[in-house]
C-alpha atoms as a PDB file:
ATOM      1  CA  MET A   1      48.121 -31.072 -38.294  1.00  0.00           C
ATOM      2  CA  LYS A   2      46.346 -27.817 -36.348  1.00  0.00           C
ATOM      3  CA  LYS A   3      42.941 -28.131 -35.701  1.00  0.00           C
ATOM      4  CA  ASN A   4      40.101 -25.550 -35.278  1.00  0.00           C
ATOM      5  CA  GLY A   5      37.880 -25.003 -33.122  1.00  0.00           C
ATOM      6  CA  PHE A   6      36.835 -25.433 -29.370  1.00  0.00           C
ATOM      7  CA  THR A   7      37.901 -28.183 -26.940  1.00  0.00           C
ATOM      8  CA  LEU A   8      34.935 -30.169 -24.675  1.00  0.00           C
ATOM      9  CA  ILE A   9      36.607 -28.512 -21.594  1.00  0.00           C
ATOM     10  CA  GLU A  10      36.861 -24.969 -22.802  1.00  0.00           C
ATOM     11  CA  LEU A  11      32.784 -25.120 -24.077  1.00  0.00           C
ATOM     12  CA  LEU A  12      31.963 -26.035 -20.540  1.00  0.00           C
ATOM     13  CA  VAL A  13      33.992 -23.794 -18.945  1.00  0.00           C
ATOM     14  CA  VAL A  14      32.291 -20.886 -21.059  1.00  0.00           C
ATOM     15  CA  ILE A  15      28.879 -22.592 -20.599  1.00  0.00           C
ATOM     16  CA  VAL A  16      29.495 -22.494 -16.538  1.00  0.00           C
ATOM     17  CA  ILE A  17      30.402 -18.693 -16.253  1.00  0.00           C
ATOM     18  CA  ALA A  18      27.524 -17.789 -18.617  1.00  0.00           C
ATOM     19  CA  SER A  19      25.413 -19.637 -16.350  1.00  0.00           C
ATOM     20  CA  PHE A  20      26.484 -18.004 -12.974  1.00  0.00           C
ATOM     21  CA  LEU A  21      26.042 -14.519 -14.914  1.00  0.00           C
ATOM     22  CA  THR A  22      22.346 -15.426 -16.021  1.00  0.00           C
ATOM     23  CA  GLY A  23      21.935 -16.317 -12.428  1.00  0.00           C
ATOM     24  CA  GLY A  24      23.131 -13.578 -10.863  1.00  0.00           C
ATOM     25  CA  ALA A  25      21.267 -11.154 -13.673  1.00  0.00           C
ATOM     26  CA  LEU A  26      17.681 -12.673 -12.489  1.00  0.00           C
ATOM     27  CA  ALA A  27      18.498 -12.579  -8.731  1.00  0.00           C
ATOM     28  CA  THR A  28      19.192  -9.017  -8.984  1.00  0.00           C
ATOM     29  CA  PHE A  29      15.744  -8.080 -11.552  1.00  0.00           C
ATOM     30  CA  ASN A  30      13.435 -10.061  -9.036  1.00  0.00           C
ATOM     31  CA  ARG A  31      14.745  -8.212  -5.803  1.00  0.00           C
ATOM     32  CA  PHE A  32      14.591  -5.180  -8.448  1.00  0.00           C
ATOM     33  CA  ASN A  33      10.813  -6.655  -9.179  1.00  0.00           C
ATOM     34  CA  GLU A  34       9.639  -7.030  -5.831  1.00  0.00           C
ATOM     35  CA  ARG A  35      11.083  -3.202  -5.256  1.00  0.00           C
ATOM     36  CA  GLU A  36       9.268  -1.681  -7.558  1.00  0.00           C
ATOM     37  CA  LYS A  37       5.792  -3.649  -6.853  1.00  0.00           C
ATOM     38  CA  LEU A  38       6.038  -2.800  -2.659  1.00  0.00           C
ATOM     39  CA  LYS A  39       6.744   1.153  -4.339  1.00  0.00           C
ATOM     40  CA  ALA A  40       4.228   1.217  -7.292  1.00  0.00           C
ATOM     41  CA  ALA A  41       1.524  -0.468  -4.144  1.00  0.00           C
ATOM     42  CA  ALA A  42       2.459   2.626  -1.446  1.00  0.00           C
ATOM     43  CA  LEU A  43       1.944   5.096  -4.440  1.00  0.00           C
ATOM     44  CA  THR A  44      -1.982   3.709  -4.951  1.00  0.00           C
ATOM     45  CA  ILE A  45      -2.008   3.885  -1.423  1.00  0.00           C
ATOM     46  CA  LYS A  46      -1.295   7.389  -1.490  1.00  0.00           C
ATOM     47  CA  THR A  47      -3.173   8.394  -3.997  1.00  0.00           C
ATOM     48  CA  VAL A  48      -6.532   6.745  -2.362  1.00  0.00           C
ATOM     49  CA  LEU A  49      -5.751   8.335   0.771  1.00  0.00           C
ATOM     50  CA  ARG A  50      -5.511  11.839  -1.223  1.00  0.00           C
ATOM     51  CA  GLU A  51      -8.235  11.429  -3.119  1.00  0.00           C
ATOM     52  CA  ILE A  52     -10.015  10.977  -0.149  1.00  0.00           C
ATOM     53  CA  GLN A  53      -8.915  13.929   1.478  1.00  0.00           C
ATOM     54  CA  THR A  54     -10.227  16.175  -1.518  1.00  0.00           C
ATOM     55  CA  GLN A  55     -13.406  14.338  -1.497  1.00  0.00           C
ATOM     56  CA  VAL A  56     -13.944  14.962   2.201  1.00  0.00           C
ATOM     57  CA  LEU A  57     -12.640  19.089   1.798  1.00  0.00           C
ATOM     58  CA  ALA A  58     -15.194  19.157  -1.348  1.00  0.00           C
ATOM     59  CA  ALA A  59     -18.020  17.518   1.156  1.00  0.00           C
ATOM     60  CA  GLU A  60     -18.837  15.010  -1.511  1.00  0.00           C
ATOM     61  CA  LYS A  61     -21.634  12.859  -1.057  1.00  0.00           C
ATOM     62  CA  ASP A  62     -24.075  10.963  -3.555  1.00  0.00           C
ATOM     63  CA  PRO A  63     -26.936  13.111  -3.198  1.00  0.00           C
ATOM     64  CA  ILE A  64     -29.322   9.813  -4.053  1.00  0.00           C
ATOM     65  CA  ALA A  65     -28.318   7.795  -1.096  1.00  0.00           C
ATOM     66  CA  CYS A  66     -27.437  10.432   1.262  1.00  0.00           C
ATOM     67  CA  GLN A  67     -30.128  12.817   0.545  1.00  0.00           C
ATOM     68  CA  ALA A  68     -30.606  15.381   3.490  1.00  0.00           C
ATOM     69  CA  LYS A  69     -28.206  13.217   5.487  1.00  0.00           C
ATOM     70  CA  THR A  70     -24.900  14.779   6.749  1.00  0.00           C
ATOM     71  CA  LEU A  71     -22.012  13.449   5.270  1.00  0.00           C
ATOM     72  CA  ASP A  72     -19.946  11.726   8.196  1.00  0.00           C
ATOM     73  CA  TYR A  73     -16.810  10.676   6.790  1.00  0.00           C
ATOM     74  CA  TRP A  74     -14.491   9.052   3.676  1.00  0.00           C
ATOM     75  CA  CYS A  75     -12.829   5.959   4.495  1.00  0.00           C
ATOM     76  CA  ALA A  76      -9.943   3.426   3.302  1.00  0.00           C
ATOM     77  CA  ASP A  77     -10.655   0.128   4.721  1.00  0.00           C
ATOM     78  CA  LEU A  78      -6.943  -1.339   3.714  1.00  0.00           C
ATOM     79  CA  LEU A  79      -8.046  -4.602   5.258  1.00  0.00           C
ATOM     80  CA  SER A  80     -10.889  -5.388   2.718  1.00  0.00           C
ATOM     81  CA  LYS A  81      -9.096  -2.900   0.112  1.00  0.00           C
ATOM     82  CA  THR A  82     -11.846  -0.406  -0.299  1.00  0.00           C
ATOM     83  CA  THR A  83     -12.817   3.082   0.286  1.00  0.00           C
ATOM     84  CA  TYR A  84     -16.065   4.488   0.181  1.00  0.00           C
ATOM     85  CA  GLY A  85     -17.957   7.428   1.763  1.00  0.00           C
ATOM     86  CA  HIS A  86     -20.223   7.275   5.106  1.00  0.00           C
ATOM     87  CA  CYS A  87     -23.775   9.589   5.927  1.00  0.00           C
ATOM     88  CA  GLY A  88     -26.252   9.566   7.907  1.00  0.00           C
ATOM     89  CA  GLY A  89     -24.808   9.018  11.364  1.00  0.00           C
ATOM     90  CA  GLU A  90     -23.599   5.287  13.706  1.00  0.00           C
ATOM     91  CA  ASP A  91     -26.845   3.718  13.480  1.00  0.00           C
ATOM     92  CA  PRO A  92     -26.534   1.240  11.135  1.00  0.00           C
ATOM     93  CA  LEU A  93     -30.979   1.188  10.186  1.00  0.00           C
ATOM     94  CA  THR A  94     -30.492   5.075   8.734  1.00  0.00           C
ATOM     95  CA  SER A  95     -27.187   5.132   8.030  1.00  0.00           C
ATOM     96  CA  THR A  96     -25.266   4.886   4.318  1.00  0.00           C
ATOM     97  CA  ASN A  97     -22.058   4.078   2.571  1.00  0.00           C
ATOM     98  CA  PHE A  98     -21.579   5.329  -0.847  1.00  0.00           C
ATOM     99  CA  GLY A  99     -18.901   5.471  -3.680  1.00  0.00           C
ATOM    100  CA  ILE A 100     -17.850   2.107  -2.545  1.00  0.00           C
ATOM    101  CA  LYS A 101     -14.694   1.430  -4.973  1.00  0.00           C
ATOM    102  CA  LYS A 102     -12.059  -1.207  -4.808  1.00  0.00           C
ATOM    103  CA  ILE A 103      -8.065  -0.730  -4.025  1.00  0.00           C
ATOM    104  CA  ASP A 104      -6.339  -2.723  -6.294  1.00  0.00           C
ATOM    105  CA  LEU A 105      -3.172  -3.672  -4.598  1.00  0.00           C
ATOM    106  CA  PRO A 106      -0.389  -6.620  -5.953  1.00  0.00           C
ATOM    107  CA  THR A 107      -1.111 -10.426  -4.061  1.00  0.00           C
ATOM    108  CA  SER A 108       2.244 -10.141  -3.219  1.00  0.00           C
ATOM    109  CA  VAL A 109       2.270  -7.121  -1.218  1.00  0.00           C
ATOM    110  CA  THR A 110       1.207  -7.678   2.640  1.00  0.00           C
ATOM    111  CA  LEU A 111       0.231  -4.450   4.939  1.00  0.00           C
ATOM    112  CA  SER A 112       0.311  -4.372   8.364  1.00  0.00           C
ATOM    113  CA  PHE A 113      -0.854  -1.478  10.787  1.00  0.00           C
ATOM    114  CA  TYR A 114       0.399  -0.041  13.535  1.00  0.00           C
ATOM    115  CA  SER A 115      -0.369   2.814  16.016  1.00  0.00           C
ATOM    116  CA  PRO A 116       2.145   5.925  15.822  1.00  0.00           C
ATOM    117  CA  GLU A 117       3.098   5.910  19.653  1.00  0.00           C
ATOM    118  CA  VAL A 118       6.246   4.161  19.881  1.00  0.00           C
ATOM    119  CA  GLY A 119       6.326   0.382  20.949  1.00  0.00           C
ATOM    120  CA  ASN A 120       2.908  -0.503  20.154  1.00  0.00           C
ATOM    121  CA  PRO A 121       1.893  -4.059  18.677  1.00  0.00           C
ATOM    122  CA  GLU A 122       0.143  -4.614  15.270  1.00  0.00           C
ATOM    123  CA  ASP A 123      -3.048  -3.209  15.223  1.00  0.00           C
ATOM    124  CA  THR A 124      -5.567  -4.216  12.517  1.00  0.00           C
ATOM    125  CA  ASN A 125      -7.704  -1.026  14.021  1.00  0.00           C
ATOM    126  CA  ARG A 126      -5.509   1.005  12.427  1.00  0.00           C
ATOM    127  CA  ALA A 127      -6.276  -0.218   8.435  1.00  0.00           C
ATOM    128  CA  ILE A 128      -9.634   1.480   8.815  1.00  0.00           C
ATOM    129  CA  ILE A 129      -8.591   5.291   8.368  1.00  0.00           C
ATOM    130  CA  ARG A 130     -11.922   7.783   8.007  1.00  0.00           C
ATOM    131  CA  PHE A 131     -11.255  11.367   7.282  1.00  0.00           C
ATOM    132  CA  LYS A 132     -13.879  13.463   8.676  1.00  0.00           C
ATOM    133  CA  PRO A 133     -15.065  16.662   7.229  1.00  0.00           C
ATOM    134  CA  MET A 134     -14.436  20.133   9.222  1.00  0.00           C
ATOM    135  CA  THR A 135     -11.785  19.066  11.450  1.00  0.00           C
ATOM    136  CA  GLN A 136      -9.618  18.131   8.220  1.00  0.00           C
ATOM    137  CA  GLY A 137      -7.977  15.368   9.851  1.00  0.00           C
ATOM    138  CA  VAL A 138      -8.399  11.329  10.695  1.00  0.00           C
ATOM    139  CA  GLU A 139     -10.531   9.605  14.024  1.00  0.00           C
ATOM    140  CA  ASN A 140      -6.587   7.349  14.586  1.00  0.00           C
ATOM    141  CA  GLY A 141      -3.259   8.099  13.232  1.00  0.00           C
ATOM    142  CA  SER A 142      -1.879   5.027  11.743  1.00  0.00           C
ATOM    143  CA  ILE A 143       1.655   3.311  10.768  1.00  0.00           C
ATOM    144  CA  ILE A 144       1.310   1.545   7.293  1.00  0.00           C
ATOM    145  CA  CYS A 145       3.950  -1.102   6.834  1.00  0.00           C
ATOM    146  CA  LEU A 146       4.059  -2.826   3.376  1.00  0.00           C
ATOM    147  CA  SER A 147       6.202  -5.690   2.635  1.00  0.00           C
ATOM    148  CA  SER A 148       6.220  -8.318  -0.378  1.00  0.00           C
ATOM    149  CA  SER A 149       5.914 -11.767   0.155  1.00  0.00           C
ATOM    150  CA  GLY A 150       9.419 -12.424  -2.125  1.00  0.00           C
ATOM    151  CA  SER A 151      11.720 -10.047  -0.088  1.00  0.00           C
ATOM    152  CA  ASN A 152      12.801  -9.004   2.896  1.00  0.00           C
ATOM    153  CA  GLN A 153      12.248  -5.153   1.873  1.00  0.00           C
ATOM    154  CA  LYS A 154       9.726  -2.808   3.810  1.00  0.00           C
ATOM    155  CA  TYR A 155       8.005   0.269   3.093  1.00  0.00           C
ATOM    156  CA  LYS A 156       6.437   2.766   5.625  1.00  0.00           C
ATOM    157  CA  LEU A 157       3.776   5.268   5.498  1.00  0.00           C
ATOM    158  CA  GLN A 158       1.888   7.161   8.058  1.00  0.00           C
ATOM    159  CA  VAL A 159      -0.868   8.988   8.506  1.00  0.00           C
ATOM    160  CA  SER A 160      -0.973  11.190  11.300  1.00  0.00           C
ATOM    161  CA  THR A 161      -4.479  12.483  12.832  1.00  0.00           C
ATOM    162  CA  SER A 162      -4.044  15.989  11.463  1.00  0.00           C
ATOM    163  CA  GLY A 163      -4.675  13.757   7.753  1.00  0.00           C
ATOM    164  CA  GLU A 164      -0.525  14.459   6.836  1.00  0.00           C
ATOM    165  CA  ILE A 165       0.450  11.520   5.059  1.00  0.00           C
ATOM    166  CA  ALA A 166       4.077  11.128   5.416  1.00  0.00           C
ATOM    167  CA  ASP A 167       6.023   8.449   3.116  1.00  0.00           C
ATOM    168  CA  PHE A 168       9.229   7.378   4.759  1.00  0.00           C
ATOM    169  CA  GLY A 169      10.193   4.995   1.977  1.00  0.00           C
ATOM    170  CA  PHE A 170      12.047   1.710   2.159  1.00  0.00           C
ATOM    171  CA  VAL A 171      12.906   1.663   5.851  1.00  0.00           C
ATOM    172  CA  GLN A 172      14.956  -1.336   7.630  1.00  0.00           C
ATOM    173  CA  ASN A 173      12.593  -2.009  10.661  1.00  0.00           C
ATOM    174  CA  CYS A 174       8.875  -1.108  10.601  1.00  0.00           C
ATOM    175  CA  PRO A 175       7.484   0.575  12.252  1.00  0.00           C
END
């Protein structure tokens, strides 16, 4: 007598194979997802830096906060993840920050900062990028390395003292 259907062994083999395929697909998707988060964070930082360049070139300042004060710089503080303009010099009693905005980055993305000179250790002072009017550059060049807590991938951006923003994309080592 012939029976229709599958044996228990056949069903177990199919389930095991399906589990392996699903596990592999999930791992690949997670790597892809982490890679896209890094790419999106880098694009956000580049966009913010370019917006600041535009504000500096236009000498954009808050007429109420600055009144007759001179625009000193526009700043991207990547440690506190904010941008702002500054006018009135370095004296904290007479100077003013204005136009403060938050930079929205995924929490799984970590930023580290380096001097463009080869071999320098991590330097958090490079996290504050100030674009100055007239000179159309920045005070200090900076290498910005983005990494994700969920992967070993790194993404590299560099701001030169001339204000040029270079995108090196995904790299093995950063800096």
